[in-house]
């Protein structure tokens, strides 16, 4: 994982763009880094490009249903898995392959 610090985002604290994690602050929390590492694992499992396609399509469908961009973001299966498990320091050591599926 390559972390690039000090990137200027408006409301985004961090983003995982394989193989990089871009973060807003110079000293990101372990929780934020763990959250983004979960996304890196998801991206790798899906062979990177299909992850981004799925992510955008799932967000668009959920946005069309709920009419709320923020809620659609939090309802994406990838985000649900990451937010549910980003406080667990051993999650990636025990995570099963394609474990985001139950969160969809």
PDB file of N, CA and C in Angstrom:
ATOM      1  N   UNK A   1       0.833  -1.168   0.000  1.00  0.00           N
ATOM      2  CA  UNK A   1       0.000   0.000   0.000  1.00  0.00           C
ATOM      3  C   UNK A   1       0.884   1.239   0.000  1.00  0.00           C
ATOM      4  N   UNK A   2       0.565   2.161  -0.851  1.00  0.00           N
ATOM      5  CA  UNK A   2       1.277   3.433  -0.927  1.00  0.00           C
ATOM      6  C   UNK A   2       0.316   4.509  -0.437  1.00  0.00           C
ATOM      7  N   UNK A   3       0.701   5.244   0.591  1.00  0.00           N
ATOM      8  CA  UNK A   3      -0.151   6.290   1.144  1.00  0.00           C
ATOM      9  C   UNK A   3       0.386   7.641   0.698  1.00  0.00           C
ATOM     10  N   UNK A   4      -0.484   8.430   0.102  1.00  0.00           N
ATOM     11  CA  UNK A   4      -0.136   9.791  -0.303  1.00  0.00           C
ATOM     12  C   UNK A   4      -0.915  10.730   0.615  1.00  0.00           C
ATOM     13  N   UNK A   5      -0.193  11.518   1.402  1.00  0.00           N
ATOM     14  CA  UNK A   5      -0.815  12.387   2.400  1.00  0.00           C
ATOM     15  C   UNK A   5      -0.974  13.806   1.874  1.00  0.00           C
ATOM     16  N   UNK A   6      -1.922  14.519   2.482  1.00  0.00           N
ATOM     17  CA  UNK A   6      -2.093  15.925   2.201  1.00  0.00           C
ATOM     18  C   UNK A   6      -2.845  16.231   0.919  1.00  0.00           C
ATOM     19  N   UNK A   7      -3.605  15.278   0.423  1.00  0.00           N
ATOM     20  CA  UNK A   7      -4.403  15.511  -0.785  1.00  0.00           C
ATOM     21  C   UNK A   7      -5.627  16.322  -0.383  1.00  0.00           C
ATOM     22  N   UNK A   8      -6.000  17.311  -1.170  1.00  0.00           N
ATOM     23  CA  UNK A   8      -7.098  18.202  -0.829  1.00  0.00           C
ATOM     24  C   UNK A   8      -8.421  17.673  -1.372  1.00  0.00           C
ATOM     25  N   UNK A   9      -9.252  17.153  -0.470  1.00  0.00           N
ATOM     26  CA  UNK A   9     -10.603  16.716  -0.805  1.00  0.00           C
ATOM     27  C   UNK A   9     -11.577  17.599  -0.049  1.00  0.00           C
ATOM     28  N   UNK A  10     -12.773  17.768  -0.550  1.00  0.00           N
ATOM     29  CA  UNK A  10     -13.765  18.566   0.174  1.00  0.00           C
ATOM     30  C   UNK A  10     -14.319  17.775   1.361  1.00  0.00           C
ATOM     31  N   UNK A  11     -15.069  16.724   1.104  1.00  0.00           N
ATOM     32  CA  UNK A  11     -15.696  15.975   2.198  1.00  0.00           C
ATOM     33  C   UNK A  11     -15.149  14.554   2.320  1.00  0.00           C
ATOM     34  N   UNK A  12     -14.167  14.214   1.518  1.00  0.00           N
ATOM     35  CA  UNK A  12     -13.607  12.863   1.535  1.00  0.00           C
ATOM     36  C   UNK A  12     -12.343  12.860   2.381  1.00  0.00           C
ATOM     37  N   UNK A  13     -12.296  11.961   3.349  1.00  0.00           N
ATOM     38  CA  UNK A  13     -11.101  11.841   4.195  1.00  0.00           C
ATOM     39  C   UNK A  13     -10.019  11.007   3.525  1.00  0.00           C
ATOM     40  N   UNK A  14     -10.439  10.035   2.726  1.00  0.00           N
ATOM     41  CA  UNK A  14      -9.480   9.178   2.043  1.00  0.00           C
ATOM     42  C   UNK A  14     -10.145   8.416   0.921  1.00  0.00           C
ATOM     43  N   UNK A  15      -9.323   7.912   0.022  1.00  0.00           N
ATOM     44  CA  UNK A  15      -9.838   7.129  -1.104  1.00  0.00           C
ATOM     45  C   UNK A  15      -8.764   6.123  -1.523  1.00  0.00           C
ATOM     46  N   UNK A  16      -9.211   4.922  -1.835  1.00  0.00           N
ATOM     47  CA  UNK A  16      -8.309   3.871  -2.299  1.00  0.00           C
ATOM     48  C   UNK A  16      -8.418   3.764  -3.816  1.00  0.00           C
ATOM     49  N   UNK A  17      -7.327   4.051  -4.476  1.00  0.00           N
ATOM     50  CA  UNK A  17      -7.228   3.916  -5.930  1.00  0.00           C
ATOM     51  C   UNK A  17      -6.018   3.022  -6.189  1.00  0.00           C
ATOM     52  N   UNK A  18      -6.282   1.773  -6.439  1.00  0.00           N
ATOM     53  CA  UNK A  18      -5.233   0.748  -6.515  1.00  0.00           C
ATOM     54  C   UNK A  18      -3.996   1.246  -7.241  1.00  0.00           C
ATOM     55  N   UNK A  19      -2.817   1.121  -6.696  1.00  0.00           N
ATOM     56  CA  UNK A  19      -2.418   0.597  -5.388  1.00  0.00           C
ATOM     57  C   UNK A  19      -2.227   1.691  -4.348  1.00  0.00           C
ATOM     58  N   UNK A  20      -2.839   2.849  -4.579  1.00  0.00           N
ATOM     59  CA  UNK A  20      -2.623   4.002  -3.705  1.00  0.00           C
ATOM     60  C   UNK A  20      -3.775   4.205  -2.739  1.00  0.00           C
ATOM     61  N   UNK A  21      -3.453   4.785  -1.599  1.00  0.00           N
ATOM     62  CA  UNK A  21      -4.452   5.324  -0.681  1.00  0.00           C
ATOM     63  C   UNK A  21      -4.141   6.803  -0.558  1.00  0.00           C
ATOM     64  N   UNK A  22      -5.088   7.633  -0.965  1.00  0.00           N
ATOM     65  CA  UNK A  22      -4.926   9.080  -0.877  1.00  0.00           C
ATOM     66  C   UNK A  22      -5.704   9.553   0.348  1.00  0.00           C
ATOM     67  N   UNK A  23      -5.048  10.292   1.227  1.00  0.00           N
ATOM     68  CA  UNK A  23      -5.691  10.764   2.445  1.00  0.00           C
ATOM     69  C   UNK A  23      -5.562  12.271   2.575  1.00  0.00           C
ATOM     70  N   UNK A  24      -6.523  12.855   3.274  1.00  0.00           N
ATOM     71  CA  UNK A  24      -6.584  14.301   3.429  1.00  0.00           C
ATOM     72  C   UNK A  24      -5.559  14.817   4.438  1.00  0.00           C
ATOM     73  N   UNK A  25      -5.419  14.123   5.549  1.00  0.00           N
ATOM     74  CA  UNK A  25      -4.552  14.601   6.627  1.00  0.00           C
ATOM     75  C   UNK A  25      -3.178  13.967   6.559  1.00  0.00           C
ATOM     76  N   UNK A  26      -2.239  14.623   7.169  1.00  0.00           N
ATOM     77  CA  UNK A  26      -0.873  14.097   7.197  1.00  0.00           C
ATOM     78  C   UNK A  26      -0.732  12.938   8.178  1.00  0.00           C
ATOM     79  N   UNK A  27      -1.614  12.858   9.149  1.00  0.00           N
ATOM     80  CA  UNK A  27      -1.575  11.779  10.137  1.00  0.00           C
ATOM     81  C   UNK A  27      -2.933  11.081  10.188  1.00  0.00           C
ATOM     82  N   UNK A  28      -3.237  10.278   9.189  1.00  0.00           N
ATOM     83  CA  UNK A  28      -4.548   9.617   9.160  1.00  0.00           C
ATOM     84  C   UNK A  28      -4.672   8.594  10.289  1.00  0.00           C
ATOM     85  N   UNK A  29      -5.888   8.383  10.730  1.00  0.00           N
ATOM     86  CA  UNK A  29      -6.137   7.404  11.787  1.00  0.00           C
ATOM     87  C   UNK A  29      -5.931   5.987  11.254  1.00  0.00           C
ATOM     88  N   UNK A  30      -5.645   5.098  12.162  1.00  0.00           N
ATOM     89  CA  UNK A  30      -5.516   3.682  11.783  1.00  0.00           C
ATOM     90  C   UNK A  30      -6.841   3.163  11.243  1.00  0.00           C
ATOM     91  N   UNK A  31      -7.930   3.652  11.800  1.00  0.00           N
ATOM     92  CA  UNK A  31      -9.250   3.228  11.331  1.00  0.00           C
ATOM     93  C   UNK A  31      -9.452   3.613   9.863  1.00  0.00           C
ATOM     94  N   UNK A  32      -9.099   4.847   9.506  1.00  0.00           N
ATOM     95  CA  UNK A  32      -9.225   5.288   8.113  1.00  0.00           C
ATOM     96  C   UNK A  32      -8.344   4.445   7.199  1.00  0.00           C
ATOM     97  N   UNK A  33      -7.107   4.213   7.601  1.00  0.00           N
ATOM     98  CA  UNK A  33      -6.206   3.398   6.773  1.00  0.00           C
ATOM     99  C   UNK A  33      -6.719   1.972   6.646  1.00  0.00           C
ATOM    100  N   UNK A  34      -7.263   1.434   7.720  1.00  0.00           N
ATOM    101  CA  UNK A  34      -7.819   0.072   7.672  1.00  0.00           C
ATOM    102  C   UNK A  34      -9.010   0.035   6.719  1.00  0.00           C
ATOM    103  N   UNK A  35      -9.864   1.046   6.784  1.00  0.00           N
ATOM    104  CA  UNK A  35     -11.020   1.144   5.895  1.00  0.00           C
ATOM    105  C   UNK A  35     -10.569   1.122   4.433  1.00  0.00           C
ATOM    106  N   UNK A  36      -9.560   1.907   4.128  1.00  0.00           N
ATOM    107  CA  UNK A  36      -9.064   1.969   2.752  1.00  0.00           C
ATOM    108  C   UNK A  36      -8.333   0.687   2.357  1.00  0.00           C
ATOM    109  N   UNK A  37      -7.676   0.039   3.302  1.00  0.00           N
ATOM    110  CA  UNK A  37      -7.038  -1.255   3.004  1.00  0.00           C
ATOM    111  C   UNK A  37      -8.077  -2.310   2.652  1.00  0.00           C
ATOM    112  N   UNK A  38      -9.222  -2.250   3.310  1.00  0.00           N
ATOM    113  CA  UNK A  38     -10.311  -3.171   2.960  1.00  0.00           C
ATOM    114  C   UNK A  38     -10.709  -2.947   1.506  1.00  0.00           C
ATOM    115  N   UNK A  39     -10.810  -1.675   1.098  1.00  0.00           N
ATOM    116  CA  UNK A  39     -11.133  -1.383  -0.302  1.00  0.00           C
ATOM    117  C   UNK A  39     -10.038  -1.873  -1.252  1.00  0.00           C
ATOM    118  N   UNK A  40      -8.784  -1.753  -0.866  1.00  0.00           N
ATOM    119  CA  UNK A  40      -7.706  -2.277  -1.715  1.00  0.00           C
ATOM    120  C   UNK A  40      -7.849  -3.777  -1.902  1.00  0.00           C
ATOM    121  N   UNK A  41      -8.206  -4.489  -0.841  1.00  0.00           N
ATOM    122  CA  UNK A  41      -8.412  -5.943  -0.954  1.00  0.00           C
ATOM    123  C   UNK A  41      -9.582  -6.233  -1.881  1.00  0.00           C
ATOM    124  N   UNK A  42     -10.673  -5.488  -1.736  1.00  0.00           N
ATOM    125  CA  UNK A  42     -11.831  -5.671  -2.614  1.00  0.00           C
ATOM    126  C   UNK A  42     -11.440  -5.430  -4.074  1.00  0.00           C
ATOM    127  N   UNK A  43     -10.687  -4.378  -4.300  1.00  0.00           N
ATOM    128  CA  UNK A  43     -10.262  -4.044  -5.663  1.00  0.00           C
ATOM    129  C   UNK A  43      -9.409  -5.155  -6.250  1.00  0.00           C
ATOM    130  N   UNK A  44      -8.490  -5.660  -5.469  1.00  0.00           N
ATOM    131  CA  UNK A  44      -7.616  -6.735  -5.937  1.00  0.00           C
ATOM    132  C   UNK A  44      -8.418  -7.993  -6.251  1.00  0.00           C
ATOM    133  N   UNK A  45      -9.347  -8.341  -5.387  1.00  0.00           N
ATOM    134  CA  UNK A  45     -10.177  -9.534  -5.601  1.00  0.00           C
ATOM    135  C   UNK A  45     -10.985  -9.443  -6.891  1.00  0.00           C
ATOM    136  N   UNK A  46     -11.398  -8.243  -7.230  1.00  0.00           N
ATOM    137  CA  UNK A  46     -12.226  -8.073  -8.428  1.00  0.00           C
ATOM    138  C   UNK A  46     -11.394  -7.693  -9.653  1.00  0.00           C
ATOM    139  N   UNK A  47     -10.090  -7.810  -9.537  1.00  0.00           N
ATOM    140  CA  UNK A  47      -9.174  -7.502 -10.631  1.00  0.00           C
ATOM    141  C   UNK A  47      -9.231  -6.026 -11.036  1.00  0.00           C
ATOM    142  N   UNK A  48      -9.440  -5.189 -10.082  1.00  0.00           N
ATOM    143  CA  UNK A  48      -9.341  -3.731 -10.097  1.00  0.00           C
ATOM    144  C   UNK A  48     -10.432  -3.048 -10.932  1.00  0.00           C
ATOM    145  N   UNK A  49     -10.369  -3.065 -12.227  1.00  0.00           N
ATOM    146  CA  UNK A  49     -11.330  -2.323 -13.040  1.00  0.00           C
ATOM    147  C   UNK A  49     -12.784  -2.734 -12.781  1.00  0.00           C
ATOM    148  N   UNK A  50     -13.117  -4.017 -12.726  1.00  0.00           N
ATOM    149  CA  UNK A  50     -14.511  -4.377 -12.427  1.00  0.00           C
ATOM    150  C   UNK A  50     -15.000  -3.833 -11.084  1.00  0.00           C
ATOM    151  N   UNK A  51     -14.087  -3.658 -10.120  1.00  0.00           N
ATOM    152  CA  UNK A  51     -14.472  -3.066  -8.840  1.00  0.00           C
ATOM    153  C   UNK A  51     -15.059  -1.679  -9.066  1.00  0.00           C
ATOM    154  N   UNK A  52     -14.358  -0.843  -9.833  1.00  0.00           N
ATOM    155  CA  UNK A  52     -14.809   0.534 -10.046  1.00  0.00           C
ATOM    156  C   UNK A  52     -16.126   0.581 -10.814  1.00  0.00           C
ATOM    157  N   UNK A  53     -16.281  -0.292 -11.784  1.00  0.00           N
ATOM    158  CA  UNK A  53     -17.526  -0.347 -12.551  1.00  0.00           C
ATOM    159  C   UNK A  53     -18.678  -0.745 -11.641  1.00  0.00           C
ATOM    160  N   UNK A  54     -18.488  -1.808 -10.857  1.00  0.00           N
ATOM    161  CA  UNK A  54     -19.514  -2.278  -9.931  1.00  0.00           C
ATOM    162  C   UNK A  54     -19.848  -1.184  -8.921  1.00  0.00           C
ATOM    163  N   UNK A  55     -18.808  -0.537  -8.368  1.00  0.00           N
ATOM    164  CA  UNK A  55     -18.989   0.500  -7.352  1.00  0.00           C
ATOM    165  C   UNK A  55     -19.888   1.622  -7.882  1.00  0.00           C
ATOM    166  N   UNK A  56     -19.565   2.128  -9.058  1.00  0.00           N
ATOM    167  CA  UNK A  56     -20.332   3.239  -9.637  1.00  0.00           C
ATOM    168  C   UNK A  56     -21.752   2.795  -9.987  1.00  0.00           C
ATOM    169  N   UNK A  57     -21.908   1.622 -10.568  1.00  0.00           N
ATOM    170  CA  UNK A  57     -23.244   1.141 -10.921  1.00  0.00           C
ATOM    171  C   UNK A  57     -24.105   0.908  -9.683  1.00  0.00           C
ATOM    172  N   UNK A  58     -23.520   0.304  -8.661  1.00  0.00           N
ATOM    173  CA  UNK A  58     -24.291   0.064  -7.435  1.00  0.00           C
ATOM    174  C   UNK A  58     -24.707   1.396  -6.802  1.00  0.00           C
ATOM    175  N   UNK A  59     -23.794   2.355  -6.769  1.00  0.00           N
ATOM    176  CA  UNK A  59     -24.127   3.667  -6.215  1.00  0.00           C
ATOM    177  C   UNK A  59     -25.254   4.319  -7.025  1.00  0.00           C
ATOM    178  N   UNK A  60     -25.175   4.265  -8.344  1.00  0.00           N
ATOM    179  CA  UNK A  60     -26.186   4.886  -9.195  1.00  0.00           C
ATOM    180  C   UNK A  60     -27.563   4.256  -8.982  1.00  0.00           C
ATOM    181  N   UNK A  61     -27.614   2.939  -8.892  1.00  0.00           N
ATOM    182  CA  UNK A  61     -28.889   2.253  -8.661  1.00  0.00           C
ATOM    183  C   UNK A  61     -29.463   2.646  -7.303  1.00  0.00           C
ATOM    184  N   UNK A  62     -28.625   2.661  -6.293  1.00  0.00           N
ATOM    185  CA  UNK A  62     -29.105   2.999  -4.949  1.00  0.00           C
ATOM    186  C   UNK A  62     -29.495   4.469  -4.858  1.00  0.00           C
ATOM    187  N   UNK A  63     -28.800   5.330  -5.569  1.00  0.00           N
ATOM    188  CA  UNK A  63     -29.160   6.748  -5.594  1.00  0.00           C
ATOM    189  C   UNK A  63     -30.520   6.932  -6.285  1.00  0.00           C
ATOM    190  N   UNK A  64     -30.733   6.223  -7.384  1.00  0.00           N
ATOM    191  CA  UNK A  64     -32.010   6.312  -8.100  1.00  0.00           C
ATOM    192  C   UNK A  64     -33.159   5.850  -7.198  1.00  0.00           C
ATOM    193  N   UNK A  65     -32.903   4.865  -6.355  1.00  0.00           N
ATOM    194  CA  UNK A  65     -33.953   4.347  -5.463  1.00  0.00           C
ATOM    195  C   UNK A  65     -34.249   5.281  -4.300  1.00  0.00           C
ATOM    196  N   UNK A  66     -33.206   5.783  -3.647  1.00  0.00           N
ATOM    197  CA  UNK A  66     -33.422   6.551  -2.417  1.00  0.00           C
ATOM    198  C   UNK A  66     -33.369   8.064  -2.625  1.00  0.00           C
ATOM    199  N   UNK A  67     -32.877   8.519  -3.772  1.00  0.00           N
ATOM    200  CA  UNK A  67     -32.794   9.953  -4.107  1.00  0.00           C
ATOM    201  C   UNK A  67     -31.891  10.740  -3.152  1.00  0.00           C
ATOM    202  N   UNK A  68     -30.945  10.058  -2.523  1.00  0.00           N
ATOM    203  CA  UNK A  68     -30.026  10.705  -1.579  1.00  0.00           C
ATOM    204  C   UNK A  68     -28.623  10.185  -1.862  1.00  0.00           C
ATOM    205  N   UNK A  69     -27.749  11.060  -2.381  1.00  0.00           N
ATOM    206  CA  UNK A  69     -26.398  10.630  -2.760  1.00  0.00           C
ATOM    207  C   UNK A  69     -25.610  10.065  -1.588  1.00  0.00           C
ATOM    208  N   UNK A  70     -25.709  10.719  -0.457  1.00  0.00           N
ATOM    209  CA  UNK A  70     -24.963  10.277   0.717  1.00  0.00           C
ATOM    210  C   UNK A  70     -25.447   8.905   1.186  1.00  0.00           C
ATOM    211  N   UNK A  71     -26.752   8.736   1.271  1.00  0.00           N
ATOM    212  CA  UNK A  71     -27.300   7.446   1.699  1.00  0.00           C
ATOM    213  C   UNK A  71     -26.933   6.353   0.700  1.00  0.00           C
ATOM    214  N   UNK A  72     -26.958   6.675  -0.585  1.00  0.00           N
ATOM    215  CA  UNK A  72     -26.576   5.699  -1.606  1.00  0.00           C
ATOM    216  C   UNK A  72     -25.130   5.253  -1.404  1.00  0.00           C
ATOM    217  N   UNK A  73     -24.250   6.189  -1.066  1.00  0.00           N
ATOM    218  CA  UNK A  73     -22.841   5.861  -0.799  1.00  0.00           C
ATOM    219  C   UNK A  73     -22.728   4.876   0.360  1.00  0.00           C
ATOM    220  N   UNK A  74     -23.404   5.167   1.467  1.00  0.00           N
ATOM    221  CA  UNK A  74     -23.309   4.296   2.644  1.00  0.00           C
ATOM    222  C   UNK A  74     -23.973   2.941   2.425  1.00  0.00           C
ATOM    223  N   UNK A  75     -24.850   2.828   1.429  1.00  0.00           N
ATOM    224  CA  UNK A  75     -25.525   1.564   1.130  1.00  0.00           C
ATOM    225  C   UNK A  75     -24.752   0.672   0.156  1.00  0.00           C
ATOM    226  N   UNK A  76     -23.677   1.171  -0.426  1.00  0.00           N
ATOM    227  CA  UNK A  76     -22.873   0.348  -1.332  1.00  0.00           C
ATOM    228  C   UNK A  76     -22.283  -0.808  -0.528  1.00  0.00           C
ATOM    229  N   UNK A  77     -22.360  -2.008  -1.059  1.00  0.00           N
ATOM    230  CA  UNK A  77     -21.856  -3.185  -0.353  1.00  0.00           C
ATOM    231  C   UNK A  77     -20.398  -3.064   0.058  1.00  0.00           C
ATOM    232  N   UNK A  78     -19.574  -2.510  -0.799  1.00  0.00           N
ATOM    233  CA  UNK A  78     -18.146  -2.335  -0.474  1.00  0.00           C
ATOM    234  C   UNK A  78     -17.975  -1.423   0.739  1.00  0.00           C
ATOM    235  N   UNK A  79     -18.763  -0.350   0.787  1.00  0.00           N
ATOM    236  CA  UNK A  79     -18.674   0.578   1.916  1.00  0.00           C
ATOM    237  C   UNK A  79     -19.237  -0.043   3.183  1.00  0.00           C
ATOM    238  N   UNK A  80     -20.324  -0.772   3.053  1.00  0.00           N
ATOM    239  CA  UNK A  80     -20.911  -1.417   4.232  1.00  0.00           C
ATOM    240  C   UNK A  80     -19.920  -2.387   4.871  1.00  0.00           C
ATOM    241  N   UNK A  81     -19.231  -3.169   4.040  1.00  0.00           N
ATOM    242  CA  UNK A  81     -18.223  -4.076   4.587  1.00  0.00           C
ATOM    243  C   UNK A  81     -17.107  -3.286   5.266  1.00  0.00           C
ATOM    244  N   UNK A  82     -16.613  -2.259   4.607  1.00  0.00           N
ATOM    245  CA  UNK A  82     -15.491  -1.489   5.153  1.00  0.00           C
ATOM    246  C   UNK A  82     -15.876  -0.774   6.447  1.00  0.00           C
ATOM    247  N   UNK A  83     -17.034  -0.103   6.477  1.00  0.00           N
ATOM    248  CA  UNK A  83     -17.443   0.604   7.689  1.00  0.00           C
ATOM    249  C   UNK A  83     -17.756  -0.360   8.832  1.00  0.00           C
ATOM    250  N   UNK A  84     -18.306  -1.511   8.525  1.00  0.00           N
ATOM    251  CA  UNK A  84     -18.627  -2.489   9.565  1.00  0.00           C
ATOM    252  C   UNK A  84     -17.368  -3.051  10.218  1.00  0.00           C
ATOM    253  N   UNK A  85     -16.289  -3.137   9.459  1.00  0.00           N
ATOM    254  CA  UNK A  85     -15.101  -3.846   9.948  1.00  0.00           C
ATOM    255  C   UNK A  85     -13.862  -2.986  10.125  1.00  0.00           C
ATOM    256  N   UNK A  86     -13.947  -1.688   9.894  1.00  0.00           N
ATOM    257  CA  UNK A  86     -12.729  -0.871   9.964  1.00  0.00           C
ATOM    258  C   UNK A  86     -12.210  -0.631  11.384  1.00  0.00           C
ATOM    259  N   UNK A  87     -12.946  -1.051  12.391  1.00  0.00           N
ATOM    260  CA  UNK A  87     -12.457  -0.937  13.770  1.00  0.00           C
ATOM    261  C   UNK A  87     -11.760  -2.211  14.239  1.00  0.00           C
ATOM    262  N   UNK A  88     -11.817  -3.250  13.431  1.00  0.00           N
ATOM    263  CA  UNK A  88     -11.233  -4.539  13.795  1.00  0.00           C
ATOM    264  C   UNK A  88      -9.824  -4.644  13.201  1.00  0.00           C
ATOM    265  N   UNK A  89      -8.784  -4.554  14.047  1.00  0.00           N
ATOM    266  CA  UNK A  89      -7.411  -4.560  13.517  1.00  0.00           C
ATOM    267  C   UNK A  89      -6.987  -5.869  12.857  1.00  0.00           C
ATOM    268  N   UNK A  90      -7.705  -6.960  13.104  1.00  0.00           N
ATOM    269  CA  UNK A  90      -7.335  -8.254  12.507  1.00  0.00           C
ATOM    270  C   UNK A  90      -8.286  -8.673  11.388  1.00  0.00           C
ATOM    271  N   UNK A  91      -9.178  -7.790  10.986  1.00  0.00           N
ATOM    272  CA  UNK A  91     -10.187  -8.167  10.002  1.00  0.00           C
ATOM    273  C   UNK A  91      -9.588  -8.708   8.707  1.00  0.00           C
ATOM    274  N   UNK A  92      -8.623  -8.023   8.153  1.00  0.00           N
ATOM    275  CA  UNK A  92      -8.064  -8.465   6.871  1.00  0.00           C
ATOM    276  C   UNK A  92      -7.322  -9.788   6.977  1.00  0.00           C
ATOM    277  N   UNK A  93      -6.875 -10.142   8.169  1.00  0.00           N
ATOM    278  CA  UNK A  93      -6.193 -11.424   8.361  1.00  0.00           C
ATOM    279  C   UNK A  93      -7.172 -12.587   8.320  1.00  0.00           C
ATOM    280  N   UNK A  94      -8.438 -12.336   8.677  1.00  0.00           N
ATOM    281  CA  UNK A  94      -9.433 -13.415   8.750  1.00  0.00           C
ATOM    282  C   UNK A  94     -10.529 -13.282   7.691  1.00  0.00           C
ATOM    283  N   UNK A  95     -10.502 -12.225   6.928  1.00  0.00           N
ATOM    284  CA  UNK A  95     -11.538 -11.960   5.928  1.00  0.00           C
ATOM    285  C   UNK A  95     -11.528 -13.025   4.843  1.00  0.00           C
ATOM    286  N   UNK A  96     -12.728 -13.479   4.486  1.00  0.00           N
ATOM    287  CA  UNK A  96     -12.862 -14.447   3.400  1.00  0.00           C
ATOM    288  C   UNK A  96     -12.919 -13.734   2.048  1.00  0.00           C
ATOM    289  N   UNK A  97     -12.576 -14.467   1.007  1.00  0.00           N
ATOM    290  CA  UNK A  97     -12.598 -13.962  -0.355  1.00  0.00           C
ATOM    291  C   UNK A  97     -14.007 -13.486  -0.723  1.00  0.00           C
ATOM    292  N   UNK A  98     -14.105 -12.338  -1.374  1.00  0.00           N
ATOM    293  CA  UNK A  98     -15.362 -11.708  -1.791  1.00  0.00           C
ATOM    294  C   UNK A  98     -16.335 -11.550  -0.632  1.00  0.00           C
ATOM    295  N   UNK A  99     -15.835 -11.190   0.516  1.00  0.00           N
ATOM    296  CA  UNK A  99     -16.686 -11.083   1.699  1.00  0.00           C
ATOM    297  C   UNK A  99     -17.634  -9.889   1.649  1.00  0.00           C
ATOM    298  N   UNK A 100     -17.539  -9.057   0.644  1.00  0.00           N
ATOM    299  CA  UNK A 100     -18.462  -7.930   0.520  1.00  0.00           C
ATOM    300  C   UNK A 100     -19.842  -8.390   0.049  1.00  0.00           C
ATOM    301  N   UNK A 101     -19.939  -9.570  -0.548  1.00  0.00           N
ATOM    302  CA  UNK A 101     -21.196 -10.056  -1.119  1.00  0.00           C
ATOM    303  C   UNK A 101     -22.345 -10.049  -0.093  1.00  0.00           C
ATOM    304  N   UNK A 102     -22.137 -10.544   1.138  1.00  0.00           N
ATOM    305  CA  UNK A 102     -23.256 -10.510   2.089  1.00  0.00           C
ATOM    306  C   UNK A 102     -23.748  -9.097   2.435  1.00  0.00           C
ATOM    307  N   UNK A 103     -22.955  -8.088   2.153  1.00  0.00           N
ATOM    308  CA  UNK A 103     -23.312  -6.706   2.490  1.00  0.00           C
ATOM    309  C   UNK A 103     -24.135  -6.015   1.410  1.00  0.00           C
ATOM    310  N   UNK A 104     -24.280  -6.653   0.264  1.00  0.00           N
ATOM    311  CA  UNK A 104     -25.017  -6.040  -0.853  1.00  0.00           C
ATOM    312  C   UNK A 104     -26.514  -6.138  -0.594  1.00  0.00           C
TER     313      UNK A 104
END
